[in-house]
Amino acid sequence: MMKDEIKKACEVMQKGGVILYPTDTVWGIGCDATNEDAVKRVYEIKQRADSKAMLVLVDSPVKVDFYVKDVPSVAWDLIDLTTKPLTIIYDGARNLAPNLVAEDGSVGIRVTGEAFSKELCFRFRKAIVSTSANISGQPAPAVFSEISEEIKNAVDYVVDFRRDETGHPKPSSIIKLGKGGEIKIIRE
């Protein structure tokens, strides 16, 4: 049941563990976005330099304010109007693990509307790291069956929900918002 899966995933993350879970796009490796050691483990699992920032998921636009010093007003319109998953990169990240924040002080945040990841974020009550479930440089798996055994074995908990889905979910669109509200499209 989804509720049990969410409870277990939250328990693992509260102890600083790393999970493998379905999101509004592809399957993700996740952890408590405020826990520096947990974030470090995710970089190690992905064999990725921590200068490459990872995005975080939250369950409602209200939470964005807690993790970003000064949210440009255009962000609210973008979040409201988007019809597909949208990651927005904001300047002035705060209240997150320092090794999660990019060198320029920015962070990518996505408000998820998908049932499982939204409820997971809501129950966990903190931002959750979401990065594709692959070793850095390898193709990102679209569905659970494409995730390598190496990744599955490296995490502390693999969510049992939505494992048998097929199809090809796409990664989110990514937009970077500058201080003056200027918009730069990183990935459509």
Protein backbone atom coordinates (compact mmCIF):
# COMPACT_ATOMS: atom_id res chain seq x y z
CA MET A 1 0.00 0.00 0.00
CA MET A 2 1.18 3.49 -0.82
CA LYS A 3 0.74 4.70 2.77
CA ASP A 4 3.04 1.98 4.17
CA GLU A 5 5.64 2.63 1.49
CA ILE A 6 5.65 6.34 2.33
CA LYS A 7 5.95 5.66 6.06
CA LYS A 8 8.92 3.33 5.49
CA ALA A 9 10.64 5.74 3.07
CA CYS A 10 10.23 8.60 5.58
CA GLU A 11 11.70 6.48 8.40
CA VAL A 12 14.74 5.64 6.28
CA MET A 13 15.32 9.30 5.32
CA GLN A 14 14.84 10.51 8.91
CA LYS A 15 17.76 8.25 9.88
CA GLY A 16 19.89 9.75 7.10
CA GLY A 17 19.23 6.93 4.65
CA VAL A 18 18.94 7.01 0.87
CA ILE A 19 15.89 5.78 -1.06
CA LEU A 20 15.01 4.87 -4.63
CA TYR A 21 11.52 6.16 -5.48
CA PRO A 22 9.12 7.08 -8.29
CA THR A 23 8.62 10.79 -8.99
CA ASP A 24 6.53 12.93 -11.35
CA THR A 25 9.18 12.22 -14.02
CA VAL A 26 11.73 9.37 -13.86
CA TRP A 27 12.67 7.23 -10.84
CA GLY A 28 14.88 9.14 -8.44
CA ILE A 29 17.50 8.59 -5.80
CA GLY A 30 16.39 10.60 -2.79
CA CYS A 31 17.32 11.66 0.71
CA ASP A 32 16.70 14.41 3.25
CA ALA A 33 17.78 17.57 1.40
CA THR A 34 18.87 19.16 4.69
CA ASN A 35 21.19 16.31 5.72
CA GLU A 36 24.73 16.90 4.46
CA ASP A 37 25.91 13.31 5.06
CA ALA A 38 22.91 11.83 3.25
CA VAL A 39 23.47 14.19 0.30
CA LYS A 40 27.15 13.15 0.24
CA ARG A 41 26.09 9.50 -0.01
CA VAL A 42 23.89 10.25 -3.01
CA TYR A 43 26.88 11.85 -4.80
CA GLU A 44 28.93 8.75 -3.93
CA ILE A 45 26.25 6.37 -5.25
CA LYS A 46 26.08 8.36 -8.49
CA GLN A 47 29.91 8.61 -8.61
CA ARG A 48 29.44 12.29 -9.29
CA ALA A 49 31.34 15.41 -8.28
CA ASP A 50 29.39 17.44 -5.77
CA SER A 51 29.99 20.60 -7.78
CA LYS A 52 27.13 19.27 -9.94
CA ALA A 53 24.06 20.31 -7.99
CA MET A 54 21.01 18.08 -7.62
CA LEU A 55 17.43 19.25 -7.54
CA VAL A 56 14.94 18.87 -4.72
CA LEU A 57 11.23 18.10 -4.66
CA VAL A 58 8.61 19.81 -2.50
CA ASP A 59 4.87 19.15 -2.34
CA SER A 60 3.55 22.71 -2.55
CA PRO A 61 4.60 26.15 -3.85
CA VAL A 62 4.47 27.49 -0.28
CA LYS A 63 7.54 25.40 0.60
CA VAL A 64 9.66 27.12 -2.08
CA ASP A 65 9.78 30.25 0.09
CA PHE A 66 11.44 28.32 2.91
CA TYR A 67 14.33 27.17 0.69
CA VAL A 68 14.84 30.34 -1.37
CA LYS A 69 15.68 33.79 0.07
CA ASP A 70 13.85 35.90 -2.47
CA VAL A 71 11.51 34.11 -4.89
CA PRO A 72 10.96 36.22 -8.04
CA SER A 73 7.21 36.82 -8.52
CA VAL A 74 7.32 35.30 -12.00
CA ALA A 75 8.08 31.93 -10.34
CA TRP A 76 4.53 31.72 -8.96
CA ASP A 77 3.07 32.24 -12.44
CA LEU A 78 5.36 29.60 -13.91
CA ILE A 79 4.41 27.08 -11.20
CA ASP A 80 0.69 27.84 -11.69
CA LEU A 81 0.71 27.72 -15.47
CA THR A 82 2.94 24.72 -16.12
CA THR A 83 1.21 21.64 -17.45
CA LYS A 84 4.22 19.34 -17.13
CA PRO A 85 6.93 18.83 -14.50
CA LEU A 86 9.02 22.00 -14.20
CA THR A 87 12.23 22.44 -12.23
CA ILE A 88 13.06 26.07 -11.48
CA ILE A 89 16.60 27.05 -10.52
CA TYR A 90 16.54 29.86 -7.98
CA ASP A 91 19.32 32.07 -6.64
CA GLY A 92 19.73 32.40 -2.89
CA ALA A 93 19.20 28.84 -1.67
CA ARG A 94 18.82 28.46 2.10
CA ASN A 95 17.88 25.85 4.74
CA LEU A 96 19.40 23.05 2.66
CA ALA A 97 22.52 20.90 3.01
CA PRO A 98 25.45 23.10 1.87
CA ASN A 99 26.75 20.38 -0.49
CA LEU A 100 23.40 20.42 -2.31
CA VAL A 101 23.65 24.10 -3.24
CA ALA A 102 25.48 25.01 -6.47
CA GLU A 103 28.66 27.10 -6.28
CA ASP A 104 26.70 30.20 -7.33
CA GLY A 105 24.29 29.71 -4.40
CA SER A 106 21.44 28.44 -6.56
CA VAL A 107 19.23 25.37 -6.20
CA GLY A 108 16.75 23.61 -8.48
CA ILE A 109 13.33 23.01 -6.93
CA ARG A 110 10.34 21.22 -8.42
CA VAL A 111 6.84 21.25 -6.97
CA THR A 112 5.59 17.73 -7.64
CA GLY A 113 1.97 16.97 -8.39
CA GLU A 114 2.39 13.20 -8.78
CA ALA A 115 0.54 11.26 -6.05
CA PHE A 116 3.40 9.26 -4.52
CA SER A 117 6.19 11.88 -4.48
CA LYS A 118 3.78 14.65 -3.41
CA GLU A 119 2.53 12.62 -0.44
CA LEU A 120 6.11 11.57 0.40
CA CYS A 121 7.23 15.24 0.51
CA PHE A 122 4.15 16.20 2.51
CA ARG A 123 4.68 13.46 5.11
CA PHE A 124 8.44 14.00 5.31
CA ARG A 125 7.87 17.75 5.84
CA LYS A 126 11.21 18.68 4.26
CA ALA A 127 12.56 18.96 0.74
CA ILE A 128 13.70 15.64 -0.72
CA VAL A 129 16.62 15.25 -3.11
CA SER A 130 15.60 13.90 -6.51
CA THR A 131 18.30 12.88 -8.94
CA SER A 132 18.10 10.33 -11.73
CA ALA A 133 18.76 6.73 -10.67
CA ASN A 134 21.96 6.18 -12.61
CA ILE A 135 25.72 6.37 -12.31
CA SER A 136 26.80 9.81 -13.53
CA GLY A 137 27.40 9.81 -17.28
CA GLN A 138 25.20 6.77 -17.96
CA PRO A 139 21.73 7.14 -19.51
CA ALA A 140 18.97 8.01 -17.03
CA PRO A 141 16.55 5.10 -16.63
CA ALA A 142 12.99 6.05 -17.59
CA VAL A 143 11.35 3.17 -15.72
CA PHE A 144 12.22 0.95 -12.76
CA SER A 145 13.21 -2.04 -14.92
CA GLU A 146 16.02 0.03 -16.47
CA ILE A 147 17.70 0.85 -13.13
CA SER A 148 21.00 -0.99 -12.63
CA GLU A 149 21.47 -3.55 -9.84
CA GLU A 150 24.43 -1.44 -8.70
CA ILE A 151 22.11 1.48 -7.92
CA LYS A 152 19.40 -0.73 -6.36
CA ASN A 153 21.97 -2.34 -4.06
CA ALA A 154 23.57 0.98 -3.06
CA VAL A 155 20.45 2.56 -1.55
CA ASP A 156 18.91 1.76 1.84
CA TYR A 157 15.35 1.33 0.65
CA VAL A 158 13.67 0.71 -2.70
CA VAL A 159 10.03 1.80 -2.86
CA ASP A 160 7.75 -1.02 -4.02
CA PHE A 161 5.23 1.29 -5.65
CA ARG A 162 4.90 1.77 -9.47
CA ARG A 163 7.74 -0.66 -10.22
CA ASP A 164 5.96 -2.36 -13.10
CA GLU A 165 5.19 0.75 -15.11
CA THR A 166 6.34 0.94 -18.70
CA GLY A 167 6.44 3.87 -21.06
CA HIS A 168 8.91 6.68 -21.25
CA PRO A 169 8.42 9.50 -18.79
CA LYS A 170 10.54 12.49 -19.67
CA PRO A 171 12.81 14.46 -17.35
CA SER A 172 11.39 17.80 -16.26
CA SER A 173 11.80 21.08 -18.07
CA ILE A 174 14.40 23.27 -16.35
CA ILE A 175 14.27 27.05 -16.15
CA LYS A 176 16.76 29.32 -14.36
CA LEU A 177 15.37 32.51 -12.86
CA GLY A 178 17.71 35.46 -12.53
CA LYS A 179 17.53 38.23 -9.95
CA GLY A 180 15.64 40.62 -12.21
CA GLY A 181 13.11 37.92 -13.10
CA GLU A 182 14.87 37.05 -16.36
CA ILE A 183 14.17 33.50 -17.51
CA LYS A 184 16.74 31.21 -19.06
CA ILE A 185 15.57 27.86 -20.45
CA ILE A 186 18.09 25.13 -19.55
CA ARG A 187 16.10 22.08 -20.77
CA GLU A 188 12.77 22.17 -22.58
